[in-house]
Amino acid sequence: MNEKLKNSFYEHIEKAKVLIELGKLDDAFSSLEVAHILGQRFVVPHTLSHLYMLKIGLLKRDIKEVLGQLFRIPTGFLGSLVGILPTGNTGGSNVSPFKEMKISDEINELMK
């Protein structure tokens, strides 16, 4: 992971942590979706984004999100490890874990 990408990933993680503390869980989740896209090719960042998504699911008592993240944590870990990932997928249970999604130009630029 290059420095620019790494910095952007962790900025989104830190933003999400602050928003979680403020109780702005939907905004925090949106930040985690961007972090997920940025980090999904790398085992630790990818897994970290799913762990925080799980935390939000637990805080919201959203059983669908919790179950979705419990599935995505191990499969995302393995997917990053072997390089089989649905590019651009935002990582939440509101989308199929196998669906590829369009990456915004801004995020795509960071990933180059």
PDB file of N, CA and C in Angstrom:
ATOM      1  N   MET A   1       0.866  -1.176   0.000  1.00  0.00           N
ATOM      2  CA  MET A   1       0.000   0.000   0.000  1.00  0.00           C
ATOM      3  C   MET A   1       0.907   1.232   0.000  1.00  0.00           C
ATOM      4  N   ASN A   2       0.743   2.083  -1.009  1.00  0.00           N
ATOM      5  CA  ASN A   2       1.581   3.283  -1.047  1.00  0.00           C
ATOM      6  C   ASN A   2       1.147   4.271   0.050  1.00  0.00           C
ATOM      7  N   GLU A   3       2.011   5.217   0.345  1.00  0.00           N
ATOM      8  CA  GLU A   3       1.756   6.150   1.460  1.00  0.00           C
ATOM      9  C   GLU A   3       0.485   6.978   1.272  1.00  0.00           C
ATOM     10  N   LYS A   4       0.264   7.445   0.056  1.00  0.00           N
ATOM     11  CA  LYS A   4      -0.925   8.262  -0.218  1.00  0.00           C
ATOM     12  C   LYS A   4      -2.203   7.463   0.057  1.00  0.00           C
ATOM     13  N   LEU A   5      -2.232   6.242  -0.423  1.00  0.00           N
ATOM     14  CA  LEU A   5      -3.387   5.370  -0.215  1.00  0.00           C
ATOM     15  C   LEU A   5      -3.536   5.018   1.266  1.00  0.00           C
ATOM     16  N   LYS A   6      -2.434   4.677   1.892  1.00  0.00           N
ATOM     17  CA  LYS A   6      -2.445   4.328   3.322  1.00  0.00           C
ATOM     18  C   LYS A   6      -2.967   5.493   4.160  1.00  0.00           C
ATOM     19  N   ASN A   7      -2.468   6.697   3.880  1.00  0.00           N
ATOM     20  CA  ASN A   7      -2.910   7.876   4.637  1.00  0.00           C
ATOM     21  C   ASN A   7      -4.403   8.128   4.454  1.00  0.00           C
ATOM     22  N   SER A   8      -4.877   8.009   3.233  1.00  0.00           N
ATOM     23  CA  SER A   8      -6.298   8.231   2.977  1.00  0.00           C
ATOM     24  C   SER A   8      -7.151   7.166   3.668  1.00  0.00           C
ATOM     25  N   PHE A   9      -6.705   5.914   3.595  1.00  0.00           N
ATOM     26  CA  PHE A   9      -7.434   4.833   4.269  1.00  0.00           C
ATOM     27  C   PHE A   9      -7.573   5.141   5.768  1.00  0.00           C
ATOM     28  N   TYR A  10      -6.447   5.447   6.415  1.00  0.00           N
ATOM     29  CA  TYR A  10      -6.500   5.680   7.865  1.00  0.00           C
ATOM     30  C   TYR A  10      -7.210   6.976   8.234  1.00  0.00           C
ATOM     31  N   GLU A  11      -7.213   7.966   7.339  1.00  0.00           N
ATOM     32  CA  GLU A  11      -7.996   9.178   7.587  1.00  0.00           C
ATOM     33  C   GLU A  11      -9.488   8.827   7.648  1.00  0.00           C
ATOM     34  N   HIS A  12      -9.928   7.963   6.749  1.00  0.00           N
ATOM     35  CA  HIS A  12     -11.336   7.554   6.756  1.00  0.00           C
ATOM     36  C   HIS A  12     -11.662   6.691   7.981  1.00  0.00           C
ATOM     37  N   ILE A  13     -10.737   5.862   8.394  1.00  0.00           N
ATOM     38  CA  ILE A  13     -10.945   5.062   9.610  1.00  0.00           C
ATOM     39  C   ILE A  13     -11.041   5.985  10.824  1.00  0.00           C
ATOM     40  N   GLU A  14     -10.123   6.933  10.938  1.00  0.00           N
ATOM     41  CA  GLU A  14     -10.135   7.858  12.082  1.00  0.00           C
ATOM     42  C   GLU A  14     -11.404   8.718  12.084  1.00  0.00           C
ATOM     43  N   LYS A  15     -11.805   9.176  10.904  1.00  0.00           N
ATOM     44  CA  LYS A  15     -13.050   9.955  10.801  1.00  0.00           C
ATOM     45  C   LYS A  15     -14.226   9.114  11.291  1.00  0.00           C
ATOM     46  N   ALA A  16     -14.266   7.854  10.879  1.00  0.00           N
ATOM     47  CA  ALA A  16     -15.349   6.969  11.303  1.00  0.00           C
ATOM     48  C   ALA A  16     -15.338   6.781  12.817  1.00  0.00           C
ATOM     49  N   LYS A  17     -14.173   6.633  13.405  1.00  0.00           N
ATOM     50  CA  LYS A  17     -14.081   6.453  14.861  1.00  0.00           C
ATOM     51  C   LYS A  17     -14.637   7.667  15.599  1.00  0.00           C
ATOM     52  N   VAL A  18     -14.310   8.860  15.119  1.00  0.00           N
ATOM     53  CA  VAL A  18     -14.827  10.088  15.736  1.00  0.00           C
ATOM     54  C   VAL A  18     -16.345  10.146  15.590  1.00  0.00           C
ATOM     55  N   LEU A  19     -16.824   9.832  14.395  1.00  0.00           N
ATOM     56  CA  LEU A  19     -18.275   9.868  14.158  1.00  0.00           C
ATOM     57  C   LEU A  19     -19.014   8.826  15.004  1.00  0.00           C
ATOM     58  N   ILE A  20     -18.394   7.673  15.215  1.00  0.00           N
ATOM     59  CA  ILE A  20     -18.989   6.660  16.097  1.00  0.00           C
ATOM     60  C   ILE A  20     -19.121   7.225  17.495  1.00  0.00           C
ATOM     61  N   GLU A  21     -18.069   7.855  17.982  1.00  0.00           N
ATOM     62  CA  GLU A  21     -18.106   8.452  19.327  1.00  0.00           C
ATOM     63  C   GLU A  21     -19.193   9.523  19.446  1.00  0.00           C
ATOM     64  N   LEU A  22     -19.439  10.239  18.350  1.00  0.00           N
ATOM     65  CA  LEU A  22     -20.473  11.281  18.343  1.00  0.00           C
ATOM     66  C   LEU A  22     -21.877  10.715  18.127  1.00  0.00           C
ATOM     67  N   GLY A  23     -21.947   9.413  17.888  1.00  0.00           N
ATOM     68  CA  GLY A  23     -23.237   8.778  17.665  1.00  0.00           C
ATOM     69  C   GLY A  23     -23.766   8.949  16.250  1.00  0.00           C
ATOM     70  N   LYS A  24     -22.933   9.423  15.348  1.00  0.00           N
ATOM     71  CA  LYS A  24     -23.332   9.621  13.951  1.00  0.00           C
ATOM     72  C   LYS A  24     -22.963   8.359  13.164  1.00  0.00           C
ATOM     73  N   LEU A  25     -23.706   7.301  13.437  1.00  0.00           N
ATOM     74  CA  LEU A  25     -23.350   5.982  12.929  1.00  0.00           C
ATOM     75  C   LEU A  25     -23.502   5.849  11.416  1.00  0.00           C
ATOM     76  N   ASP A  26     -24.498   6.482  10.841  1.00  0.00           N
ATOM     77  CA  ASP A  26     -24.661   6.405   9.382  1.00  0.00           C
ATOM     78  C   ASP A  26     -23.513   7.121   8.665  1.00  0.00           C
ATOM     79  N   ASP A  27     -23.124   8.269   9.188  1.00  0.00           N
ATOM     80  CA  ASP A  27     -21.985   8.996   8.602  1.00  0.00           C
ATOM     81  C   ASP A  27     -20.692   8.203   8.777  1.00  0.00           C
ATOM     82  N   ALA A  28     -20.541   7.589   9.930  1.00  0.00           N
ATOM     83  CA  ALA A  28     -19.358   6.759  10.180  1.00  0.00           C
ATOM     84  C   ALA A  28     -19.313   5.600   9.202  1.00  0.00           C
ATOM     85  N   PHE A  29     -20.453   4.985   8.956  1.00  0.00           N
ATOM     86  CA  PHE A  29     -20.504   3.856   8.038  1.00  0.00           C
ATOM     87  C   PHE A  29     -20.124   4.289   6.629  1.00  0.00           C
ATOM     88  N   SER A  30     -20.574   5.465   6.216  1.00  0.00           N
ATOM     89  CA  SER A  30     -20.219   5.992   4.894  1.00  0.00           C
ATOM     90  C   SER A  30     -18.704   6.171   4.770  1.00  0.00           C
ATOM     91  N   SER A  31     -18.089   6.652   5.813  1.00  0.00           N
ATOM     92  CA  SER A  31     -16.633   6.807   5.808  1.00  0.00           C
ATOM     93  C   SER A  31     -15.947   5.446   5.723  1.00  0.00           C
ATOM     94  N   LEU A  32     -16.504   4.465   6.396  1.00  0.00           N
ATOM     95  CA  LEU A  32     -15.949   3.109   6.351  1.00  0.00           C
ATOM     96  C   LEU A  32     -16.108   2.472   4.978  1.00  0.00           C
ATOM     97  N   GLU A  33     -17.178   2.823   4.270  1.00  0.00           N
ATOM     98  CA  GLU A  33     -17.351   2.291   2.921  1.00  0.00           C
ATOM     99  C   GLU A  33     -16.222   2.766   2.007  1.00  0.00           C
ATOM    100  N   VAL A  34     -15.837   4.027   2.148  1.00  0.00           N
ATOM    101  CA  VAL A  34     -14.714   4.546   1.358  1.00  0.00           C
ATOM    102  C   VAL A  34     -13.423   3.848   1.790  1.00  0.00           C
ATOM    103  N   ALA A  35     -13.216   3.717   3.098  1.00  0.00           N
ATOM    104  CA  ALA A  35     -12.027   3.019   3.604  1.00  0.00           C
ATOM    105  C   ALA A  35     -11.983   1.591   3.063  1.00  0.00           C
ATOM    106  N   HIS A  36     -13.134   0.943   3.019  1.00  0.00           N
ATOM    107  CA  HIS A  36     -13.204  -0.435   2.515  1.00  0.00           C
ATOM    108  C   HIS A  36     -12.721  -0.519   1.076  1.00  0.00           C
ATOM    109  N   ILE A  37     -13.206   0.384   0.238  1.00  0.00           N
ATOM    110  CA  ILE A  37     -12.788   0.380  -1.167  1.00  0.00           C
ATOM    111  C   ILE A  37     -11.282   0.606  -1.262  1.00  0.00           C
ATOM    112  N   LEU A  38     -10.769   1.564  -0.494  1.00  0.00           N
ATOM    113  CA  LEU A  38      -9.343   1.875  -0.540  1.00  0.00           C
ATOM    114  C   LEU A  38      -8.480   0.713  -0.044  1.00  0.00           C
ATOM    115  N   GLY A  39      -8.971  -0.009   0.943  1.00  0.00           N
ATOM    116  CA  GLY A  39      -8.142  -1.025   1.585  1.00  0.00           C
ATOM    117  C   GLY A  39      -8.407  -2.456   1.204  1.00  0.00           C
ATOM    118  N   GLN A  40      -9.392  -2.703   0.343  1.00  0.00           N
ATOM    119  CA  GLN A  40      -9.811  -4.082   0.132  1.00  0.00           C
ATOM    120  C   GLN A  40      -8.760  -4.980  -0.519  1.00  0.00           C
ATOM    121  N   ARG A  41      -7.768  -4.433  -1.157  1.00  0.00           N
ATOM    122  CA  ARG A  41      -6.722  -5.276  -1.753  1.00  0.00           C
ATOM    123  C   ARG A  41      -5.661  -5.702  -0.728  1.00  0.00           C
ATOM    124  N   PHE A  42      -5.759  -5.195   0.483  1.00  0.00           N
ATOM    125  CA  PHE A  42      -4.750  -5.446   1.509  1.00  0.00           C
ATOM    126  C   PHE A  42      -5.401  -6.094   2.724  1.00  0.00           C
ATOM    127  N   VAL A  43      -4.844  -7.186   3.194  1.00  0.00           N
ATOM    128  CA  VAL A  43      -5.473  -8.023   4.216  1.00  0.00           C
ATOM    129  C   VAL A  43      -5.854  -7.244   5.475  1.00  0.00           C
ATOM    130  N   VAL A  44      -4.904  -6.578   6.091  1.00  0.00           N
ATOM    131  CA  VAL A  44      -5.183  -5.910   7.373  1.00  0.00           C
ATOM    132  C   VAL A  44      -6.160  -4.745   7.206  1.00  0.00           C
ATOM    133  N   PRO A  45      -5.929  -3.818   6.271  1.00  0.00           N
ATOM    134  CA  PRO A  45      -6.904  -2.727   6.127  1.00  0.00           C
ATOM    135  C   PRO A  45      -8.310  -3.219   5.764  1.00  0.00           C
ATOM    136  N   HIS A  46      -8.384  -4.207   4.885  1.00  0.00           N
ATOM    137  CA  HIS A  46      -9.686  -4.740   4.484  1.00  0.00           C
ATOM    138  C   HIS A  46     -10.431  -5.309   5.695  1.00  0.00           C
ATOM    139  N   THR A  47      -9.728  -6.104   6.462  1.00  0.00           N
ATOM    140  CA  THR A  47     -10.334  -6.715   7.647  1.00  0.00           C
ATOM    141  C   THR A  47     -10.720  -5.647   8.667  1.00  0.00           C
ATOM    142  N   LEU A  48      -9.865  -4.649   8.846  1.00  0.00           N
ATOM    143  CA  LEU A  48     -10.140  -3.566   9.797  1.00  0.00           C
ATOM    144  C   LEU A  48     -11.422  -2.822   9.430  1.00  0.00           C
ATOM    145  N   SER A  49     -11.609  -2.550   8.145  1.00  0.00           N
ATOM    146  CA  SER A  49     -12.833  -1.832   7.739  1.00  0.00           C
ATOM    147  C   SER A  49     -14.072  -2.663   8.076  1.00  0.00           C
ATOM    148  N   HIS A  50     -13.995  -3.981   7.880  1.00  0.00           N
ATOM    149  CA  HIS A  50     -15.138  -4.836   8.219  1.00  0.00           C
ATOM    150  C   HIS A  50     -15.362  -4.925   9.730  1.00  0.00           C
ATOM    151  N   LEU A  51     -14.303  -4.910  10.507  1.00  0.00           N
ATOM    152  CA  LEU A  51     -14.462  -4.951  11.965  1.00  0.00           C
ATOM    153  C   LEU A  51     -15.193  -3.705  12.472  1.00  0.00           C
ATOM    154  N   TYR A  52     -14.864  -2.546  11.913  1.00  0.00           N
ATOM    155  CA  TYR A  52     -15.574  -1.328  12.317  1.00  0.00           C
ATOM    156  C   TYR A  52     -17.014  -1.330  11.812  1.00  0.00           C
ATOM    157  N   MET A  53     -17.236  -1.904  10.642  1.00  0.00           N
ATOM    158  CA  MET A  53     -18.626  -2.036  10.162  1.00  0.00           C
ATOM    159  C   MET A  53     -19.424  -2.945  11.095  1.00  0.00           C
ATOM    160  N   LEU A  54     -18.784  -3.997  11.576  1.00  0.00           N
ATOM    161  CA  LEU A  54     -19.427  -4.884  12.546  1.00  0.00           C
ATOM    162  C   LEU A  54     -19.766  -4.115  13.819  1.00  0.00           C
ATOM    163  N   LYS A  55     -18.844  -3.290  14.274  1.00  0.00           N
ATOM    164  CA  LYS A  55     -19.091  -2.494  15.476  1.00  0.00           C
ATOM    165  C   LYS A  55     -20.329  -1.615  15.301  1.00  0.00           C
ATOM    166  N   ILE A  56     -20.444  -0.980  14.138  1.00  0.00           N
ATOM    167  CA  ILE A  56     -21.620  -0.143  13.885  1.00  0.00           C
ATOM    168  C   ILE A  56     -22.886  -0.991  13.854  1.00  0.00           C
ATOM    169  N   GLY A  57     -22.805  -2.158  13.223  1.00  0.00           N
ATOM    170  CA  GLY A  57     -23.957  -3.065  13.214  1.00  0.00           C
ATOM    171  C   GLY A  57     -24.392  -3.431  14.624  1.00  0.00           C
ATOM    172  N   LEU A  58     -23.420  -3.699  15.484  1.00  0.00           N
ATOM    173  CA  LEU A  58     -23.735  -4.032  16.879  1.00  0.00           C
ATOM    174  C   LEU A  58     -24.342  -2.839  17.608  1.00  0.00           C
ATOM    175  N   LEU A  59     -23.761  -1.653  17.421  1.00  0.00           N
ATOM    176  CA  LEU A  59     -24.283  -0.457  18.081  1.00  0.00           C
ATOM    177  C   LEU A  59     -25.707  -0.126  17.636  1.00  0.00           C
ATOM    178  N   LYS A  60     -26.003  -0.377  16.368  1.00  0.00           N
ATOM    179  CA  LYS A  60     -27.346  -0.111  15.839  1.00  0.00           C
ATOM    180  C   LYS A  60     -28.307  -1.273  16.088  1.00  0.00           C
ATOM    181  N   ARG A  61     -27.757  -2.379  16.605  1.00  0.00           N
ATOM    182  CA  ARG A  61     -28.540  -3.609  16.790  1.00  0.00           C
ATOM    183  C   ARG A  61     -29.190  -4.040  15.475  1.00  0.00           C
ATOM    184  N   ASP A  62     -28.382  -3.942  14.414  1.00  0.00           N
ATOM    185  CA  ASP A  62     -28.825  -4.286  13.067  1.00  0.00           C
ATOM    186  C   ASP A  62     -28.349  -5.706  12.763  1.00  0.00           C
ATOM    187  N   ILE A  63     -29.234  -6.683  12.962  1.00  0.00           N
ATOM    188  CA  ILE A  63     -28.867  -8.091  12.833  1.00  0.00           C
ATOM    189  C   ILE A  63     -28.381  -8.414  11.424  1.00  0.00           C
ATOM    190  N   LYS A  64     -28.988  -7.801  10.409  1.00  0.00           N
ATOM    191  CA  LYS A  64     -28.555  -8.044   9.028  1.00  0.00           C
ATOM    192  C   LYS A  64     -27.111  -7.595   8.834  1.00  0.00           C
ATOM    193  N   GLU A  65     -26.763  -6.430   9.361  1.00  0.00           N
ATOM    194  CA  GLU A  65     -25.388  -5.927   9.225  1.00  0.00           C
ATOM    195  C   GLU A  65     -24.417  -6.790  10.020  1.00  0.00           C
ATOM    196  N   VAL A  66     -24.805  -7.163  11.219  1.00  0.00           N
ATOM    197  CA  VAL A  66     -23.934  -8.006  12.056  1.00  0.00           C
ATOM    198  C   VAL A  66     -23.657  -9.329  11.349  1.00  0.00           C
ATOM    199  N   LEU A  67     -24.706  -9.995  10.898  1.00  0.00           N
ATOM    200  CA  LEU A  67     -24.513 -11.277  10.212  1.00  0.00           C
ATOM    201  C   LEU A  67     -23.716 -11.097   8.919  1.00  0.00           C
ATOM    202  N   GLY A  68     -23.998 -10.020   8.202  1.00  0.00           N
ATOM    203  CA  GLY A  68     -23.261  -9.739   6.966  1.00  0.00           C
ATOM    204  C   GLY A  68     -21.780  -9.547   7.222  1.00  0.00           C
ATOM    205  N   GLN A  69     -21.456  -8.820   8.281  1.00  0.00           N
ATOM    206  CA  GLN A  69     -20.044  -8.586   8.595  1.00  0.00           C
ATOM    207  C   GLN A  69     -19.374  -9.850   9.134  1.00  0.00           C
ATOM    208  N   LEU A  70     -20.107 -10.646   9.882  1.00  0.00           N
ATOM    209  CA  LEU A  70     -19.531 -11.910  10.368  1.00  0.00           C
ATOM    210  C   LEU A  70     -19.193 -12.845   9.203  1.00  0.00           C
ATOM    211  N   PHE A  71     -19.924 -12.722   8.102  1.00  0.00           N
ATOM    212  CA  PHE A  71     -19.588 -13.467   6.885  1.00  0.00           C
ATOM    213  C   PHE A  71     -18.418 -12.809   6.159  1.00  0.00           C
ATOM    214  N   ARG A  72     -18.450 -11.482   6.064  1.00  0.00           N
ATOM    215  CA  ARG A  72     -17.456 -10.752   5.278  1.00  0.00           C
ATOM    216  C   ARG A  72     -16.071 -10.708   5.921  1.00  0.00           C
ATOM    217  N   ILE A  73     -15.985 -10.749   7.225  1.00  0.00           N
ATOM    218  CA  ILE A  73     -14.665 -10.673   7.868  1.00  0.00           C
ATOM    219  C   ILE A  73     -13.761 -11.823   7.411  1.00  0.00           C
ATOM    220  N   PRO A  74     -14.167 -13.083   7.567  1.00  0.00           N
ATOM    221  CA  PRO A  74     -13.265 -14.158   7.110  1.00  0.00           C
ATOM    222  C   PRO A  74     -13.149 -14.250   5.588  1.00  0.00           C
ATOM    223  N   THR A  75     -14.263 -14.026   4.862  1.00  0.00           N
ATOM    224  CA  THR A  75     -14.170 -14.144   3.405  1.00  0.00           C
ATOM    225  C   THR A  75     -13.381 -12.976   2.810  1.00  0.00           C
ATOM    226  N   GLY A  76     -13.520 -11.794   3.396  1.00  0.00           N
ATOM    227  CA  GLY A  76     -12.732 -10.644   2.942  1.00  0.00           C
ATOM    228  C   GLY A  76     -11.255 -10.835   3.223  1.00  0.00           C
ATOM    229  N   PHE A  77     -10.952 -11.387   4.382  1.00  0.00           N
ATOM    230  CA  PHE A  77      -9.564 -11.691   4.738  1.00  0.00           C
ATOM    231  C   PHE A  77      -8.960 -12.616   3.683  1.00  0.00           C
ATOM    232  N   LEU A  78      -9.668 -13.702   3.399  1.00  0.00           N
ATOM    233  CA  LEU A  78      -9.170 -14.667   2.412  1.00  0.00           C
ATOM    234  C   LEU A  78      -9.127 -14.065   1.009  1.00  0.00           C
ATOM    235  N   GLY A  79     -10.137 -13.291   0.661  1.00  0.00           N
ATOM    236  CA  GLY A  79     -10.162 -12.654  -0.653  1.00  0.00           C
ATOM    237  C   GLY A  79      -8.982 -11.728  -0.865  1.00  0.00           C
ATOM    238  N   SER A  80      -8.646 -10.940   0.152  1.00  0.00           N
ATOM    239  CA  SER A  80      -7.481 -10.057   0.062  1.00  0.00           C
ATOM    240  C   SER A  80      -6.191 -10.863  -0.018  1.00  0.00           C
ATOM    241  N   LEU A  81      -6.155 -11.938   0.722  1.00  0.00           N
ATOM    242  CA  LEU A  81      -4.960 -12.783   0.766  1.00  0.00           C
ATOM    243  C   LEU A  81      -4.651 -13.388  -0.597  1.00  0.00           C
ATOM    244  N   VAL A  82      -5.677 -13.842  -1.291  1.00  0.00           N
ATOM    245  CA  VAL A  82      -5.458 -14.506  -2.586  1.00  0.00           C
ATOM    246  C   VAL A  82      -5.737 -13.584  -3.779  1.00  0.00           C
ATOM    247  N   GLY A  83      -6.227 -12.386  -3.530  1.00  0.00           N
ATOM    248  CA  GLY A  83      -6.449 -11.420  -4.604  1.00  0.00           C
ATOM    249  C   GLY A  83      -7.720 -11.610  -5.393  1.00  0.00           C
ATOM    250  N   ILE A  84      -8.716 -12.243  -4.793  1.00  0.00           N
ATOM    251  CA  ILE A  84     -10.014 -12.413  -5.457  1.00  0.00           C
ATOM    252  C   ILE A  84     -11.023 -11.533  -4.731  1.00  0.00           C
ATOM    253  N   LEU A  85     -11.341 -10.386  -5.345  1.00  0.00           N
ATOM    254  CA  LEU A  85     -12.206  -9.401  -4.708  1.00  0.00           C
ATOM    255  C   LEU A  85     -13.143  -8.761  -5.724  1.00  0.00           C
ATOM    256  N   PRO A  86     -14.335  -8.379  -5.290  1.00  0.00           N
ATOM    257  CA  PRO A  86     -15.224  -7.624  -6.179  1.00  0.00           C
ATOM    258  C   PRO A  86     -14.836  -6.143  -6.132  1.00  0.00           C
ATOM    259  N   THR A  87     -14.123  -5.696  -7.118  1.00  0.00           N
ATOM    260  CA  THR A  87     -13.596  -4.335  -7.162  1.00  0.00           C
ATOM    261  C   THR A  87     -14.685  -3.303  -6.906  1.00  0.00           C
ATOM    262  N   GLY A  88     -14.381  -2.347  -6.033  1.00  0.00           N
ATOM    263  CA  GLY A  88     -15.279  -1.239  -5.766  1.00  0.00           C
ATOM    264  C   GLY A  88     -16.405  -1.528  -4.799  1.00  0.00           C
ATOM    265  N   ASN A  89     -16.538  -2.774  -4.367  1.00  0.00           N
ATOM    266  CA  ASN A  89     -17.615  -3.129  -3.448  1.00  0.00           C
ATOM    267  C   ASN A  89     -17.449  -2.338  -2.154  1.00  0.00           C
ATOM    268  N   THR A  90     -18.548  -1.778  -1.658  1.00  0.00           N
ATOM    269  CA  THR A  90     -18.484  -0.906  -0.487  1.00  0.00           C
ATOM    270  C   THR A  90     -18.462  -1.649   0.844  1.00  0.00           C
ATOM    271  N   GLY A  91     -18.717  -2.950   0.843  1.00  0.00           N
ATOM    272  CA  GLY A  91     -18.494  -3.769   2.026  1.00  0.00           C
ATOM    273  C   GLY A  91     -19.622  -3.922   3.020  1.00  0.00           C
ATOM    274  N   GLY A  92     -20.706  -3.189   2.847  1.00  0.00           N
ATOM    275  CA  GLY A  92     -21.821  -3.305   3.776  1.00  0.00           C
ATOM    276  C   GLY A  92     -22.776  -4.416   3.374  1.00  0.00           C
ATOM    277  N   SER A  93     -23.635  -4.803   4.296  1.00  0.00           N
ATOM    278  CA  SER A  93     -24.582  -5.885   4.011  1.00  0.00           C
ATOM    279  C   SER A  93     -25.711  -5.437   3.088  1.00  0.00           C
ATOM    280  N   ASN A  94     -25.738  -4.156   2.738  1.00  0.00           N
ATOM    281  CA  ASN A  94     -26.757  -3.653   1.816  1.00  0.00           C
ATOM    282  C   ASN A  94     -26.437  -3.981   0.360  1.00  0.00           C
ATOM    283  N   VAL A  95     -25.252  -4.571   0.104  1.00  0.00           N
ATOM    284  CA  VAL A  95     -24.872  -5.020  -1.242  1.00  0.00           C
ATOM    285  C   VAL A  95     -24.323  -6.439  -1.161  1.00  0.00           C
ATOM    286  N   SER A  96     -24.474  -7.167  -2.257  1.00  0.00           N
ATOM    287  CA  SER A  96     -23.924  -8.518  -2.308  1.00  0.00           C
ATOM    288  C   SER A  96     -22.415  -8.465  -2.103  1.00  0.00           C
ATOM    289  N   PRO A  97     -21.856  -9.389  -1.307  1.00  0.00           N
ATOM    290  CA  PRO A  97     -20.412  -9.390  -1.101  1.00  0.00           C
ATOM    291  C   PRO A  97     -19.631  -9.764  -2.366  1.00  0.00           C
ATOM    292  N   PHE A  98     -20.325 -10.166  -3.416  1.00  0.00           N
ATOM    293  CA  PHE A  98     -19.677 -10.588  -4.654  1.00  0.00           C
ATOM    294  C   PHE A  98     -19.858  -9.590  -5.794  1.00  0.00           C
ATOM    295  N   LYS A  99     -20.583  -8.492  -5.525  1.00  0.00           N
ATOM    296  CA  LYS A  99     -20.907  -7.516  -6.571  1.00  0.00           C
ATOM    297  C   LYS A  99     -19.766  -6.521  -6.785  1.00  0.00           C
ATOM    298  N   GLU A 100     -19.330  -6.405  -8.048  1.00  0.00           N
ATOM    299  CA  GLU A 100     -18.378  -5.354  -8.395  1.00  0.00           C
ATOM    300  C   GLU A 100     -19.153  -4.060  -8.562  1.00  0.00           C
ATOM    301  N   MET A 101     -18.507  -2.953  -8.175  1.00  0.00           N
ATOM    302  CA  MET A 101     -19.168  -1.657  -8.243  1.00  0.00           C
ATOM    303  C   MET A 101     -18.224  -0.639  -8.868  1.00  0.00           C
ATOM    304  N   LYS A 102     -18.794   0.384  -9.468  1.00  0.00           N
ATOM    305  CA  LYS A 102     -17.998   1.453 -10.078  1.00  0.00           C
ATOM    306  C   LYS A 102     -17.286   2.234  -8.975  1.00  0.00           C
ATOM    307  N   ILE A 103     -16.034   2.544  -9.226  1.00  0.00           N
ATOM    308  CA  ILE A 103     -15.237   3.330  -8.282  1.00  0.00           C
ATOM    309  C   ILE A 103     -15.242   4.780  -8.749  1.00  0.00           C
ATOM    310  N   SER A 104     -15.489   5.702  -7.835  1.00  0.00           N
ATOM    311  CA  SER A 104     -15.501   7.123  -8.206  1.00  0.00           C
ATOM    312  C   SER A 104     -14.111   7.535  -8.707  1.00  0.00           C
ATOM    313  N   ASP A 105     -14.080   8.577  -9.517  1.00  0.00           N
ATOM    314  CA  ASP A 105     -12.806   9.062 -10.060  1.00  0.00           C
ATOM    315  C   ASP A 105     -11.853   9.466  -8.938  1.00  0.00           C
ATOM    316  N   GLU A 106     -12.392  10.088  -7.887  1.00  0.00           N
ATOM    317  CA  GLU A 106     -11.574  10.544  -6.765  1.00  0.00           C
ATOM    318  C   GLU A 106     -10.903   9.360  -6.062  1.00  0.00           C
ATOM    319  N   ILE A 107     -11.660   8.323  -5.787  1.00  0.00           N
ATOM    320  CA  ILE A 107     -11.105   7.142  -5.121  1.00  0.00           C
ATOM    321  C   ILE A 107     -10.170   6.390  -6.062  1.00  0.00           C
ATOM    322  N   ASN A 108     -10.547   6.305  -7.318  1.00  0.00           N
ATOM    323  CA  ASN A 108      -9.709   5.632  -8.316  1.00  0.00           C
ATOM    324  C   ASN A 108      -8.341   6.297  -8.418  1.00  0.00           C
ATOM    325  N   GLU A 109      -8.304   7.601  -8.334  1.00  0.00           N
ATOM    326  CA  GLU A 109      -7.042   8.353  -8.407  1.00  0.00           C
ATOM    327  C   GLU A 109      -6.126   7.979  -7.238  1.00  0.00           C
ATOM    328  N   LEU A 110      -6.688   7.803  -6.061  1.00  0.00           N
ATOM    329  CA  LEU A 110      -5.898   7.419  -4.885  1.00  0.00           C
ATOM    330  C   LEU A 110      -5.333   6.006  -5.018  1.00  0.00           C
ATOM    331  N   MET A 111      -6.050   5.169  -5.737  1.00  0.00           N
ATOM    332  CA  MET A 111      -5.669   3.765  -5.825  1.00  0.00           C
ATOM    333  C   MET A 111      -4.610   3.496  -6.896  1.00  0.00           C
ATOM    334  N   LYS A 112      -4.296   4.499  -7.718  1.00  0.00           N
ATOM    335  CA  LYS A 112      -3.297   4.311  -8.783  1.00  0.00           C
ATOM    336  C   LYS A 112      -1.904   4.209  -8.198  1.00  0.00           C
TER     337      LYS A 112
END
